Amino acid sequence: MPAIKLSERASALTAYFSPKVIGEVNDVYIKVAKIKGDDIPWHNHAHEDELFLIIDGRLLFEIEGEDPFTMEKGDLYIVKRGINHRVTSTEECSILLVENKSTAHLGDTDSEITKSVEEQLEEYL
């Protein structure tokens, strides 16, 4: 299997807020997504941690009850289970996510942008 070129995989995405699985390691999926705007609602994952790595761009990260912070290319952040959070970006931002295979896109939060695990597996990149 050839090396995965994250920038190429992310640039192939056509929709914002729609993670796509690009690989799996044991019981976790490796995903890429593009973020632009503020459509992601506050949410949490009651039973799973979530890893964010910025591939390109800048991402505003908000954790409930804390000061927001900006992540830039190469930055990595792990959201612990049960922590309410959301992300936004004024310009296009590409991210890599590492999540358990059972992790729901937006936890128990239902939104027009919510994607099922099956939708995230479509067109496996």
PDB file of N, CA and C in Angstrom:
ATOM      1  N   MET A   1       0.845  -1.182   0.000  1.00  0.00           N
ATOM      2  CA  MET A   1       0.000   0.000   0.000  1.00  0.00           C
ATOM      3  C   MET A   1       0.888   1.243   0.000  1.00  0.00           C
ATOM      4  N   PRO A   2       0.640   2.167  -0.911  1.00  0.00           N
ATOM      5  CA  PRO A   2       1.451   3.388  -0.968  1.00  0.00           C
ATOM      6  C   PRO A   2       1.136   4.320   0.206  1.00  0.00           C
ATOM      7  N   ALA A   3       2.030   5.260   0.461  1.00  0.00           N
ATOM      8  CA  ALA A   3       1.812   6.257   1.509  1.00  0.00           C
ATOM      9  C   ALA A   3       0.585   7.100   1.176  1.00  0.00           C
ATOM     10  N   ILE A   4      -0.114   7.504   2.203  1.00  0.00           N
ATOM     11  CA  ILE A   4      -1.290   8.360   2.033  1.00  0.00           C
ATOM     12  C   ILE A   4      -0.837   9.814   2.046  1.00  0.00           C
ATOM     13  N   LYS A   5      -1.153  10.526   1.000  1.00  0.00           N
ATOM     14  CA  LYS A   5      -0.820  11.941   0.901  1.00  0.00           C
ATOM     15  C   LYS A   5      -2.029  12.737   1.414  1.00  0.00           C
ATOM     16  N   LEU A   6      -1.922  13.208   2.664  1.00  0.00           N
ATOM     17  CA  LEU A   6      -3.063  13.845   3.320  1.00  0.00           C
ATOM     18  C   LEU A   6      -3.594  15.045   2.555  1.00  0.00           C
ATOM     19  N   SER A   7      -2.717  15.905   2.072  1.00  0.00           N
ATOM     20  CA  SER A   7      -3.173  17.094   1.341  1.00  0.00           C
ATOM     21  C   SER A   7      -3.977  16.715   0.108  1.00  0.00           C
ATOM     22  N   GLU A   8      -3.533  15.683  -0.610  1.00  0.00           N
ATOM     23  CA  GLU A   8      -4.255  15.233  -1.804  1.00  0.00           C
ATOM     24  C   GLU A   8      -5.612  14.655  -1.435  1.00  0.00           C
ATOM     25  N   ARG A   9      -5.654  13.844  -0.389  1.00  0.00           N
ATOM     26  CA  ARG A   9      -6.924  13.251   0.043  1.00  0.00           C
ATOM     27  C   ARG A   9      -7.904  14.332   0.475  1.00  0.00           C
ATOM     28  N   ALA A  10      -7.407  15.303   1.229  1.00  0.00           N
ATOM     29  CA  ALA A  10      -8.284  16.378   1.690  1.00  0.00           C
ATOM     30  C   ALA A  10      -8.759  17.246   0.532  1.00  0.00           C
ATOM     31  N   SER A  11      -7.880  17.548  -0.412  1.00  0.00           N
ATOM     32  CA  SER A  11      -8.284  18.403  -1.531  1.00  0.00           C
ATOM     33  C   SER A  11      -9.285  17.709  -2.452  1.00  0.00           C
ATOM     34  N   ALA A  12      -9.357  16.373  -2.400  1.00  0.00           N
ATOM     35  CA  ALA A  12     -10.314  15.635  -3.209  1.00  0.00           C
ATOM     36  C   ALA A  12     -11.741  15.734  -2.658  1.00  0.00           C
ATOM     37  N   LEU A  13     -11.880  16.176  -1.407  1.00  0.00           N
ATOM     38  CA  LEU A  13     -13.209  16.303  -0.808  1.00  0.00           C
ATOM     39  C   LEU A  13     -13.975  17.442  -1.456  1.00  0.00           C
ATOM     40  N   THR A  14     -15.257  17.237  -1.663  1.00  0.00           N
ATOM     41  CA  THR A  14     -16.073  18.263  -2.313  1.00  0.00           C
ATOM     42  C   THR A  14     -17.051  18.938  -1.364  1.00  0.00           C
ATOM     43  N   ALA A  15     -17.301  18.347  -0.198  1.00  0.00           N
ATOM     44  CA  ALA A  15     -18.286  18.893   0.744  1.00  0.00           C
ATOM     45  C   ALA A  15     -17.624  19.254   2.067  1.00  0.00           C
ATOM     46  N   TYR A  16     -18.067  20.345   2.652  1.00  0.00           N
ATOM     47  CA  TYR A  16     -17.612  20.731   3.979  1.00  0.00           C
ATOM     48  C   TYR A  16     -18.369  19.936   5.039  1.00  0.00           C
ATOM     49  N   PHE A  17     -17.753  19.776   6.197  1.00  0.00           N
ATOM     50  CA  PHE A  17     -18.363  19.120   7.362  1.00  0.00           C
ATOM     51  C   PHE A  17     -18.794  17.689   7.066  1.00  0.00           C
ATOM     52  N   SER A  18     -18.100  17.014   6.171  1.00  0.00           N
ATOM     53  CA  SER A  18     -18.465  15.659   5.773  1.00  0.00           C
ATOM     54  C   SER A  18     -17.222  14.762   5.796  1.00  0.00           C
ATOM     55  N   PRO A  19     -16.837  14.280   6.989  1.00  0.00           N
ATOM     56  CA  PRO A  19     -15.623  13.461   7.094  1.00  0.00           C
ATOM     57  C   PRO A  19     -15.696  12.208   6.224  1.00  0.00           C
ATOM     58  N   LYS A  20     -14.547  11.816   5.684  1.00  0.00           N
ATOM     59  CA  LYS A  20     -14.439  10.586   4.900  1.00  0.00           C
ATOM     60  C   LYS A  20     -13.317   9.731   5.457  1.00  0.00           C
ATOM     61  N   VAL A  21     -13.583   8.468   5.592  1.00  0.00           N
ATOM     62  CA  VAL A  21     -12.600   7.513   6.093  1.00  0.00           C
ATOM     63  C   VAL A  21     -11.547   7.284   5.015  1.00  0.00           C
ATOM     64  N   ILE A  22     -10.258   7.390   5.422  1.00  0.00           N
ATOM     65  CA  ILE A  22      -9.168   7.113   4.482  1.00  0.00           C
ATOM     66  C   ILE A  22      -8.344   5.908   4.921  1.00  0.00           C
ATOM     67  N   GLY A  23      -8.647   5.375   6.096  1.00  0.00           N
ATOM     68  CA  GLY A  23      -7.914   4.216   6.576  1.00  0.00           C
ATOM     69  C   GLY A  23      -8.431   3.787   7.933  1.00  0.00           C
ATOM     70  N   GLU A  24      -7.906   2.685   8.398  1.00  0.00           N
ATOM     71  CA  GLU A  24      -8.270   2.215   9.726  1.00  0.00           C
ATOM     72  C   GLU A  24      -7.068   1.559  10.375  1.00  0.00           C
ATOM     73  N   VAL A  25      -6.996   1.719  11.680  1.00  0.00           N
ATOM     74  CA  VAL A  25      -5.936   1.118  12.492  1.00  0.00           C
ATOM     75  C   VAL A  25      -6.644   0.477  13.677  1.00  0.00           C
ATOM     76  N   ASN A  26      -6.577  -0.838  13.753  1.00  0.00           N
ATOM     77  CA  ASN A  26      -7.255  -1.559  14.827  1.00  0.00           C
ATOM     78  C   ASN A  26      -8.716  -1.136  14.920  1.00  0.00           C
ATOM     79  N   ASP A  27      -9.122  -0.541  16.030  1.00  0.00           N
ATOM     80  CA  ASP A  27     -10.529  -0.178  16.227  1.00  0.00           C
ATOM     81  C   ASP A  27     -10.823   1.299  15.981  1.00  0.00           C
ATOM     82  N   VAL A  28      -9.967   1.981  15.218  1.00  0.00           N
ATOM     83  CA  VAL A  28     -10.204   3.398  14.928  1.00  0.00           C
ATOM     84  C   VAL A  28     -10.194   3.658  13.425  1.00  0.00           C
ATOM     85  N   TYR A  29     -10.937   4.681  13.039  1.00  0.00           N
ATOM     86  CA  TYR A  29     -10.915   5.167  11.667  1.00  0.00           C
ATOM     87  C   TYR A  29     -10.034   6.404  11.600  1.00  0.00           C
ATOM     88  N   ILE A  30      -9.321   6.533  10.497  1.00  0.00           N
ATOM     89  CA  ILE A  30      -8.576   7.739  10.168  1.00  0.00           C
ATOM     90  C   ILE A  30      -9.418   8.446   9.106  1.00  0.00           C
ATOM     91  N   LYS A  31      -9.749   9.712   9.357  1.00  0.00           N
ATOM     92  CA  LYS A  31     -10.655  10.442   8.471  1.00  0.00           C
ATOM     93  C   LYS A  31     -10.042  11.779   8.064  1.00  0.00           C
ATOM     94  N   VAL A  32     -10.476  12.288   6.916  1.00  0.00           N
ATOM     95  CA  VAL A  32     -10.160  13.656   6.525  1.00  0.00           C
ATOM     96  C   VAL A  32     -11.468  14.401   6.331  1.00  0.00           C
ATOM     97  N   ALA A  33     -11.406  15.706   6.565  1.00  0.00           N
ATOM     98  CA  ALA A  33     -12.594  16.546   6.392  1.00  0.00           C
ATOM     99  C   ALA A  33     -12.148  17.955   6.045  1.00  0.00           C
ATOM    100  N   LYS A  34     -13.059  18.691   5.418  1.00  0.00           N
ATOM    101  CA  LYS A  34     -12.855  20.114   5.165  1.00  0.00           C
ATOM    102  C   LYS A  34     -13.868  20.878   6.011  1.00  0.00           C
ATOM    103  N   ILE A  35     -13.397  21.962   6.596  1.00  0.00           N
ATOM    104  CA  ILE A  35     -14.246  22.810   7.423  1.00  0.00           C
ATOM    105  C   ILE A  35     -14.210  24.220   6.851  1.00  0.00           C
ATOM    106  N   LYS A  36     -15.387  24.826   6.735  1.00  0.00           N
ATOM    107  CA  LYS A  36     -15.478  26.245   6.373  1.00  0.00           C
ATOM    108  C   LYS A  36     -16.826  26.743   6.876  1.00  0.00           C
ATOM    109  N   GLY A  37     -16.782  27.757   7.704  1.00  0.00           N
ATOM    110  CA  GLY A  37     -18.006  28.295   8.264  1.00  0.00           C
ATOM    111  C   GLY A  37     -18.192  27.843   9.704  1.00  0.00           C
ATOM    112  N   ASP A  38     -19.430  28.020  10.174  1.00  0.00           N
ATOM    113  CA  ASP A  38     -19.717  27.725  11.577  1.00  0.00           C
ATOM    114  C   ASP A  38     -20.929  26.809  11.734  1.00  0.00           C
ATOM    115  N   ASP A  39     -21.085  25.876  10.818  1.00  0.00           N
ATOM    116  CA  ASP A  39     -22.246  24.989  10.837  1.00  0.00           C
ATOM    117  C   ASP A  39     -22.173  23.865  11.865  1.00  0.00           C
ATOM    118  N   ILE A  40     -21.009  23.615  12.444  1.00  0.00           N
ATOM    119  CA  ILE A  40     -20.893  22.512  13.395  1.00  0.00           C
ATOM    120  C   ILE A  40     -21.435  22.964  14.751  1.00  0.00           C
ATOM    121  N   PRO A  41     -22.478  22.287  15.241  1.00  0.00           N
ATOM    122  CA  PRO A  41     -23.056  22.684  16.533  1.00  0.00           C
ATOM    123  C   PRO A  41     -22.207  22.180  17.704  1.00  0.00           C
ATOM    124  N   TRP A  42     -22.474  22.745  18.881  1.00  0.00           N
ATOM    125  CA  TRP A  42     -21.859  22.221  20.092  1.00  0.00           C
ATOM    126  C   TRP A  42     -22.250  20.757  20.222  1.00  0.00           C
ATOM    127  N   HIS A  43     -21.276  19.921  20.579  1.00  0.00           N
ATOM    128  CA  HIS A  43     -21.558  18.498  20.741  1.00  0.00           C
ATOM    129  C   HIS A  43     -20.453  17.849  21.568  1.00  0.00           C
ATOM    130  N   ASN A  44     -20.675  16.609  21.949  1.00  0.00           N
ATOM    131  CA  ASN A  44     -19.636  15.843  22.628  1.00  0.00           C
ATOM    132  C   ASN A  44     -19.793  14.375  22.274  1.00  0.00           C
ATOM    133  N   HIS A  45     -18.799  13.613  22.603  1.00  0.00           N
ATOM    134  CA  HIS A  45     -18.796  12.174  22.390  1.00  0.00           C
ATOM    135  C   HIS A  45     -18.667  11.554  23.780  1.00  0.00           C
ATOM    136  N   ALA A  46     -19.766  11.013  24.274  1.00  0.00           N
ATOM    137  CA  ALA A  46     -19.843  10.570  25.666  1.00  0.00           C
ATOM    138  C   ALA A  46     -18.828   9.494  26.016  1.00  0.00           C
ATOM    139  N   HIS A  47     -18.475   8.639  25.051  1.00  0.00           N
ATOM    140  CA  HIS A  47     -17.646   7.478  25.368  1.00  0.00           C
ATOM    141  C   HIS A  47     -16.318   7.412  24.625  1.00  0.00           C
ATOM    142  N   GLU A  48     -16.035   8.399  23.769  1.00  0.00           N
ATOM    143  CA  GLU A  48     -14.820   8.327  22.956  1.00  0.00           C
ATOM    144  C   GLU A  48     -14.057   9.643  22.964  1.00  0.00           C
ATOM    145  N   ASP A  49     -12.726   9.548  22.965  1.00  0.00           N
ATOM    146  CA  ASP A  49     -11.868  10.699  22.723  1.00  0.00           C
ATOM    147  C   ASP A  49     -11.813  10.925  21.210  1.00  0.00           C
ATOM    148  N   GLU A  50     -11.372  12.118  20.799  1.00  0.00           N
ATOM    149  CA  GLU A  50     -11.309  12.459  19.379  1.00  0.00           C
ATOM    150  C   GLU A  50     -10.036  13.255  19.133  1.00  0.00           C
ATOM    151  N   LEU A  51      -9.263  12.864  18.118  1.00  0.00           N
ATOM    152  CA  LEU A  51      -8.017  13.547  17.795  1.00  0.00           C
ATOM    153  C   LEU A  51      -8.199  14.385  16.534  1.00  0.00           C
ATOM    154  N   PHE A  52      -7.746  15.639  16.594  1.00  0.00           N
ATOM    155  CA  PHE A  52      -7.752  16.559  15.457  1.00  0.00           C
ATOM    156  C   PHE A  52      -6.314  16.903  15.096  1.00  0.00           C
ATOM    157  N   LEU A  53      -5.984  16.859  13.808  1.00  0.00           N
ATOM    158  CA  LEU A  53      -4.694  17.309  13.297  1.00  0.00           C
ATOM    159  C   LEU A  53      -4.985  18.227  12.114  1.00  0.00           C
ATOM    160  N   ILE A  54      -4.423  19.430  12.136  1.00  0.00           N
ATOM    161  CA  ILE A  54      -4.661  20.377  11.044  1.00  0.00           C
ATOM    162  C   ILE A  54      -3.715  20.061   9.890  1.00  0.00           C
ATOM    163  N   ILE A  55      -4.293  19.735   8.737  1.00  0.00           N
ATOM    164  CA  ILE A  55      -3.529  19.451   7.521  1.00  0.00           C
ATOM    165  C   ILE A  55      -3.160  20.763   6.840  1.00  0.00           C
ATOM    166  N   ASP A  56      -4.146  21.655   6.752  1.00  0.00           N
ATOM    167  CA  ASP A  56      -3.921  22.936   6.081  1.00  0.00           C
ATOM    168  C   ASP A  56      -4.965  23.928   6.577  1.00  0.00           C
ATOM    169  N   GLY A  57      -4.577  25.178   6.721  1.00  0.00           N
ATOM    170  CA  GLY A  57      -5.507  26.219   7.137  1.00  0.00           C
ATOM    171  C   GLY A  57      -5.453  26.471   8.633  1.00  0.00           C
ATOM    172  N   ARG A  58      -6.492  27.155   9.108  1.00  0.00           N
ATOM    173  CA  ARG A  58      -6.601  27.518  10.521  1.00  0.00           C
ATOM    174  C   ARG A  58      -7.994  27.134  11.016  1.00  0.00           C
ATOM    175  N   LEU A  59      -8.056  26.643  12.240  1.00  0.00           N
ATOM    176  CA  LEU A  59      -9.309  26.177  12.814  1.00  0.00           C
ATOM    177  C   LEU A  59      -9.498  26.821  14.179  1.00  0.00           C
ATOM    178  N   LEU A  60     -10.650  27.452  14.383  1.00  0.00           N
ATOM    179  CA  LEU A  60     -10.985  27.981  15.693  1.00  0.00           C
ATOM    180  C   LEU A  60     -11.632  26.858  16.488  1.00  0.00           C
ATOM    181  N   PHE A  61     -11.071  26.551  17.629  1.00  0.00           N
ATOM    182  CA  PHE A  61     -11.534  25.446  18.462  1.00  0.00           C
ATOM    183  C   PHE A  61     -12.150  26.026  19.718  1.00  0.00           C
ATOM    184  N   GLU A  62     -13.348  25.586  20.030  1.00  0.00           N
ATOM    185  CA  GLU A  62     -14.031  26.044  21.227  1.00  0.00           C
ATOM    186  C   GLU A  62     -14.350  24.862  22.124  1.00  0.00           C
ATOM    187  N   ILE A  63     -13.994  24.998  23.379  1.00  0.00           N
ATOM    188  CA  ILE A  63     -14.311  24.027  24.419  1.00  0.00           C
ATOM    189  C   ILE A  63     -15.216  24.765  25.406  1.00  0.00           C
ATOM    190  N   GLU A  64     -16.347  24.180  25.725  1.00  0.00           N
ATOM    191  CA  GLU A  64     -17.297  24.848  26.609  1.00  0.00           C
ATOM    192  C   GLU A  64     -16.640  25.229  27.938  1.00  0.00           C
ATOM    193  N   GLY A  65     -16.819  26.503  28.309  1.00  0.00           N
ATOM    194  CA  GLY A  65     -16.288  26.994  29.570  1.00  0.00           C
ATOM    195  C   GLY A  65     -14.833  27.419  29.532  1.00  0.00           C
ATOM    196  N   GLU A  66     -14.188  27.340  28.356  1.00  0.00           N
ATOM    197  CA  GLU A  66     -12.781  27.733  28.221  1.00  0.00           C
ATOM    198  C   GLU A  66     -12.642  28.782  27.122  1.00  0.00           C
ATOM    199  N   ASP A  67     -11.508  29.468  27.104  1.00  0.00           N
ATOM    200  CA  ASP A  67     -11.245  30.432  26.036  1.00  0.00           C
ATOM    201  C   ASP A  67     -11.003  29.693  24.725  1.00  0.00           C
ATOM    202  N   PRO A  68     -11.591  30.191  23.616  1.00  0.00           N
ATOM    203  CA  PRO A  68     -11.321  29.567  22.320  1.00  0.00           C
ATOM    204  C   PRO A  68      -9.849  29.710  21.944  1.00  0.00           C
ATOM    205  N   PHE A  69      -9.373  28.813  21.085  1.00  0.00           N
ATOM    206  CA  PHE A  69      -7.991  28.898  20.614  1.00  0.00           C
ATOM    207  C   PHE A  69      -7.947  28.522  19.146  1.00  0.00           C
ATOM    208  N   THR A  70      -6.925  29.008  18.458  1.00  0.00           N
ATOM    209  CA  THR A  70      -6.769  28.746  17.029  1.00  0.00           C
ATOM    210  C   THR A  70      -5.690  27.703  16.815  1.00  0.00           C
ATOM    211  N   MET A  71      -6.014  26.722  15.981  1.00  0.00           N
ATOM    212  CA  MET A  71      -5.051  25.697  15.585  1.00  0.00           C
ATOM    213  C   MET A  71      -4.608  25.994  14.153  1.00  0.00           C
ATOM    214  N   GLU A  72      -3.324  25.723  13.879  1.00  0.00           N
ATOM    215  CA  GLU A  72      -2.773  25.955  12.549  1.00  0.00           C
ATOM    216  C   GLU A  72      -2.153  24.672  12.012  1.00  0.00           C
ATOM    217  N   LYS A  73      -1.754  24.704  10.763  1.00  0.00           N
ATOM    218  CA  LYS A  73      -1.173  23.547  10.095  1.00  0.00           C
ATOM    219  C   LYS A  73      -0.147  22.854  10.998  1.00  0.00           C
ATOM    220  N   GLY A  74      -0.325  21.545  11.163  1.00  0.00           N
ATOM    221  CA  GLY A  74       0.587  20.751  11.973  1.00  0.00           C
ATOM    222  C   GLY A  74       0.179  20.631  13.432  1.00  0.00           C
ATOM    223  N   ASP A  75      -0.769  21.461  13.889  1.00  0.00           N
ATOM    224  CA  ASP A  75      -1.214  21.387  15.282  1.00  0.00           C
ATOM    225  C   ASP A  75      -2.119  20.176  15.490  1.00  0.00           C
ATOM    226  N   LEU A  76      -2.020  19.611  16.681  1.00  0.00           N
ATOM    227  CA  LEU A  76      -2.797  18.429  17.045  1.00  0.00           C
ATOM    228  C   LEU A  76      -3.473  18.696  18.381  1.00  0.00           C
ATOM    229  N   TYR A  77      -4.723  18.261  18.508  1.00  0.00           N
ATOM    230  CA  TYR A  77      -5.454  18.423  19.763  1.00  0.00           C
ATOM    231  C   TYR A  77      -6.331  17.195  19.991  1.00  0.00           C
ATOM    232  N   ILE A  78      -6.388  16.756  21.240  1.00  0.00           N
ATOM    233  CA  ILE A  78      -7.223  15.610  21.596  1.00  0.00           C
ATOM    234  C   ILE A  78      -8.337  16.102  22.507  1.00  0.00           C
ATOM    235  N   VAL A  79      -9.574  15.889  22.073  1.00  0.00           N
ATOM    236  CA  VAL A  79     -10.745  16.212  22.877  1.00  0.00           C
ATOM    237  C   VAL A  79     -11.096  14.955  23.673  1.00  0.00           C
ATOM    238  N   LYS A  80     -11.111  15.080  24.982  1.00  0.00           N
ATOM    239  CA  LYS A  80     -11.442  13.944  25.829  1.00  0.00           C
ATOM    240  C   LYS A  80     -12.948  13.688  25.800  1.00  0.00           C
ATOM    241  N   ARG A  81     -13.319  12.464  25.996  1.00  0.00           N
ATOM    242  CA  ARG A  81     -14.737  12.070  25.976  1.00  0.00           C
ATOM    243  C   ARG A  81     -15.557  12.934  26.934  1.00  0.00           C
ATOM    244  N   GLY A  82     -16.779  13.241  26.487  1.00  0.00           N
ATOM    245  CA  GLY A  82     -17.715  13.992  27.313  1.00  0.00           C
ATOM    246  C   GLY A  82     -17.524  15.493  27.307  1.00  0.00           C
ATOM    247  N   ILE A  83     -16.496  16.004  26.631  1.00  0.00           N
ATOM    248  CA  ILE A  83     -16.224  17.455  26.609  1.00  0.00           C
ATOM    249  C   ILE A  83     -17.004  18.105  25.465  1.00  0.00           C
ATOM    250  N   ASN A  84     -17.829  19.090  25.789  1.00  0.00           N
ATOM    251  CA  ASN A  84     -18.599  19.805  24.780  1.00  0.00           C
ATOM    252  C   ASN A  84     -17.660  20.689  23.969  1.00  0.00           C
ATOM    253  N   HIS A  85     -17.749  20.606  22.637  1.00  0.00           N
ATOM    254  CA  HIS A  85     -16.848  21.359  21.780  1.00  0.00           C
ATOM    255  C   HIS A  85     -17.486  21.649  20.431  1.00  0.00           C
ATOM    256  N   ARG A  86     -16.881  22.558  19.706  1.00  0.00           N
ATOM    257  CA  ARG A  86     -17.246  22.835  18.309  1.00  0.00           C
ATOM    258  C   ARG A  86     -16.057  23.499  17.643  1.00  0.00           C
ATOM    259  N   VAL A  87     -16.050  23.452  16.300  1.00  0.00           N
ATOM    260  CA  VAL A  87     -14.980  24.071  15.528  1.00  0.00           C
ATOM    261  C   VAL A  87     -15.582  24.928  14.425  1.00  0.00           C
ATOM    262  N   THR A  88     -14.860  25.979  14.067  1.00  0.00           N
ATOM    263  CA  THR A  88     -15.265  26.849  12.969  1.00  0.00           C
ATOM    264  C   THR A  88     -14.025  27.296  12.212  1.00  0.00           C
ATOM    265  N   SER A  89     -14.239  27.774  10.991  1.00  0.00           N
ATOM    266  CA  SER A  89     -13.137  28.305  10.204  1.00  0.00           C
ATOM    267  C   SER A  89     -13.687  29.316   9.205  1.00  0.00           C
ATOM    268  N   THR A  90     -13.071  30.496   9.158  1.00  0.00           N
ATOM    269  CA  THR A  90     -13.530  31.505   8.199  1.00  0.00           C
ATOM    270  C   THR A  90     -13.057  31.182   6.788  1.00  0.00           C
ATOM    271  N   GLU A  91     -11.911  30.551   6.672  1.00  0.00           N
ATOM    272  CA  GLU A  91     -11.381  30.101   5.385  1.00  0.00           C
ATOM    273  C   GLU A  91     -11.368  28.572   5.396  1.00  0.00           C
ATOM    274  N   GLU A  92     -11.234  27.972   4.237  1.00  0.00           N
ATOM    275  CA  GLU A  92     -11.210  26.509   4.158  1.00  0.00           C
ATOM    276  C   GLU A  92     -10.060  25.935   4.985  1.00  0.00           C
ATOM    277  N   CYS A  93     -10.371  24.918   5.759  1.00  0.00           N
ATOM    278  CA  CYS A  93      -9.395  24.253   6.610  1.00  0.00           C
ATOM    279  C   CYS A  93      -9.548  22.737   6.416  1.00  0.00           C
ATOM    280  N   SER A  94      -8.440  22.046   6.240  1.00  0.00           N
ATOM    281  CA  SER A  94      -8.462  20.587   6.093  1.00  0.00           C
ATOM    282  C   SER A  94      -7.941  19.961   7.374  1.00  0.00           C
ATOM    283  N   ILE A  95      -8.643  18.926   7.849  1.00  0.00           N
ATOM    284  CA  ILE A  95      -8.258  18.285   9.097  1.00  0.00           C
ATOM    285  C   ILE A  95      -8.209  16.769   8.945  1.00  0.00           C
ATOM    286  N   LEU A  96      -7.426  16.157   9.808  1.00  0.00           N
ATOM    287  CA  LEU A  96      -7.407  14.708   9.956  1.00  0.00           C
ATOM    288  C   LEU A  96      -8.021  14.413  11.316  1.00  0.00           C
ATOM    289  N   LEU A  97      -8.897  13.423  11.352  1.00  0.00           N
ATOM    290  CA  LEU A  97      -9.541  12.991  12.588  1.00  0.00           C
ATOM    291  C   LEU A  97      -9.176  11.540  12.856  1.00  0.00           C
ATOM    292  N   VAL A  98      -8.974  11.210  14.116  1.00  0.00           N
ATOM    293  CA  VAL A  98      -8.800   9.825  14.526  1.00  0.00           C
ATOM    294  C   VAL A  98      -9.889   9.569  15.559  1.00  0.00           C
ATOM    295  N   GLU A  99     -10.789   8.625  15.218  1.00  0.00           N
ATOM    296  CA  GLU A  99     -11.941   8.349  16.069  1.00  0.00           C
ATOM    297  C   GLU A  99     -12.206   6.853  16.121  1.00  0.00           C
ATOM    298  N   ASN A 100     -12.738   6.393  17.252  1.00  0.00           N
ATOM    299  CA  ASN A 100     -13.180   5.004  17.333  1.00  0.00           C
ATOM    300  C   ASN A 100     -14.188   4.737  16.219  1.00  0.00           C
ATOM    301  N   LYS A 101     -14.241   3.509  15.767  1.00  0.00           N
ATOM    302  CA  LYS A 101     -15.182   3.164  14.701  1.00  0.00           C
ATOM    303  C   LYS A 101     -16.627   3.399  15.122  1.00  0.00           C
ATOM    304  N   SER A 102     -16.896   3.389  16.411  1.00  0.00           N
ATOM    305  CA  SER A 102     -18.260   3.582  16.912  1.00  0.00           C
ATOM    306  C   SER A 102     -18.620   5.052  17.125  1.00  0.00           C
ATOM    307  N   THR A 103     -17.676   5.977  16.927  1.00  0.00           N
ATOM    308  CA  THR A 103     -17.921   7.394  17.223  1.00  0.00           C
ATOM    309  C   THR A 103     -18.925   7.989  16.244  1.00  0.00           C
ATOM    310  N   ALA A 104     -20.015   8.521  16.785  1.00  0.00           N
ATOM    311  CA  ALA A 104     -21.006   9.222  15.967  1.00  0.00           C
ATOM    312  C   ALA A 104     -20.452  10.592  15.595  1.00  0.00           C
ATOM    313  N   HIS A 105     -20.718  11.019  14.378  1.00  0.00           N
ATOM    314  CA  HIS A 105     -20.175  12.272  13.837  1.00  0.00           C
ATOM    315  C   HIS A 105     -20.305  13.431  14.812  1.00  0.00           C
ATOM    316  N   LEU A 106     -21.487  13.681  15.303  1.00  0.00           N
ATOM    317  CA  LEU A 106     -21.718  14.793  16.227  1.00  0.00           C
ATOM    318  C   LEU A 106     -22.274  14.295  17.561  1.00  0.00           C
ATOM    319  N   GLY A 107     -21.833  13.127  17.973  1.00  0.00           N
ATOM    320  CA  GLY A 107     -22.323  12.558  19.226  1.00  0.00           C
ATOM    321  C   GLY A 107     -23.822  12.346  19.144  1.00  0.00           C
ATOM    322  N   ASP A 108     -24.549  12.747  20.176  1.00  0.00           N
ATOM    323  CA  ASP A 108     -26.015  12.612  20.192  1.00  0.00           C
ATOM    324  C   ASP A 108     -26.717  13.815  19.575  1.00  0.00           C
ATOM    325  N   THR A 109     -25.949  14.789  19.086  1.00  0.00           N
ATOM    326  CA  THR A 109     -26.525  15.991  18.492  1.00  0.00           C
ATOM    327  C   THR A 109     -26.953  15.693  17.065  1.00  0.00           C
ATOM    328  N   ASP A 110     -28.216  15.981  16.771  1.00  0.00           N
ATOM    329  CA  ASP A 110     -28.725  15.783  15.413  1.00  0.00           C
ATOM    330  C   ASP A 110     -28.749  17.130  14.713  1.00  0.00           C
ATOM    331  N   SER A 111     -28.183  17.177  13.528  1.00  0.00           N
ATOM    332  CA  SER A 111     -28.062  18.421  12.776  1.00  0.00           C
ATOM    333  C   SER A 111     -28.204  18.097  11.291  1.00  0.00           C
ATOM    334  N   GLU A 112     -28.467  19.103  10.491  1.00  0.00           N
ATOM    335  CA  GLU A 112     -28.568  18.871   9.045  1.00  0.00           C
ATOM    336  C   GLU A 112     -27.235  18.436   8.441  1.00  0.00           C
ATOM    337  N   ILE A 113     -26.140  18.633   9.153  1.00  0.00           N
ATOM    338  CA  ILE A 113     -24.840  18.206   8.623  1.00  0.00           C
ATOM    339  C   ILE A 113     -24.375  16.863   9.199  1.00  0.00           C
ATOM    340  N   THR A 114     -25.164  16.270  10.095  1.00  0.00           N
ATOM    341  CA  THR A 114     -24.777  14.996  10.705  1.00  0.00           C
ATOM    342  C   THR A 114     -24.603  13.924   9.629  1.00  0.00           C
ATOM    343  N   LYS A 115     -23.496  13.205   9.709  1.00  0.00           N
ATOM    344  CA  LYS A 115     -23.201  12.114   8.769  1.00  0.00           C
ATOM    345  C   LYS A 115     -23.093  10.809   9.550  1.00  0.00           C
ATOM    346  N   SER A 116     -23.727   9.775   9.039  1.00  0.00           N
ATOM    347  CA  SER A 116     -23.627   8.457   9.660  1.00  0.00           C
ATOM    348  C   SER A 116     -22.249   7.868   9.363  1.00  0.00           C
ATOM    349  N   VAL A 117     -21.874   6.854  10.110  1.00  0.00           N
ATOM    350  CA  VAL A 117     -20.607   6.168   9.844  1.00  0.00           C
ATOM    351  C   VAL A 117     -20.629   5.617   8.416  1.00  0.00           C
ATOM    352  N   GLU A 118     -21.782   5.102   7.989  1.00  0.00           N
ATOM    353  CA  GLU A 118     -21.895   4.565   6.636  1.00  0.00           C
ATOM    354  C   GLU A 118     -21.626   5.636   5.586  1.00  0.00           C
ATOM    355  N   GLU A 119     -22.136   6.845   5.801  1.00  0.00           N
ATOM    356  CA  GLU A 119     -21.881   7.946   4.860  1.00  0.00           C
ATOM    357  C   GLU A 119     -20.400   8.325   4.861  1.00  0.00           C
ATOM    358  N   GLN A 120     -19.754   8.228   6.003  1.00  0.00           N
ATOM    359  CA  GLN A 120     -18.335   8.558   6.081  1.00  0.00           C
ATOM    360  C   GLN A 120     -17.487   7.502   5.372  1.00  0.00           C
ATOM    361  N   LEU A 121     -18.021   6.295   5.239  1.00  0.00           N
ATOM    362  CA  LEU A 121     -17.311   5.220   4.550  1.00  0.00           C
ATOM    363  C   LEU A 121     -17.538   5.234   3.040  1.00  0.00           C
ATOM    364  N   GLU A 122     -18.577   5.944   2.585  1.00  0.00           N
ATOM    365  CA  GLU A 122     -18.859   6.025   1.150  1.00  0.00           C
ATOM    366  C   GLU A 122     -17.665   6.618   0.428  1.00  0.00           C
ATOM    367  N   GLU A 123     -17.415   6.092  -0.743  1.00  0.00           N
ATOM    368  CA  GLU A 123     -16.293   6.578  -1.563  1.00  0.00           C
ATOM    369  C   GLU A 123     -15.005   6.543  -0.755  1.00  0.00           C
ATOM    370  N   TYR A 124     -14.815   5.445  -0.041  1.00  0.00           N
ATOM    371  CA  TYR A 124     -13.599   5.243   0.751  1.00  0.00           C
ATOM    372  C   TYR A 124     -12.409   5.731  -0.049  1.00  0.00           C
ATOM    373  N   LEU A 125     -11.755   6.770   0.436  1.00  0.00           N
ATOM    374  CA  LEU A 125     -10.691   7.431  -0.334  1.00  0.00           C
ATOM    375  C   LEU A 125      -9.403   6.628  -0.341  1.00  0.00           C
TER     376      LEU A 125
END
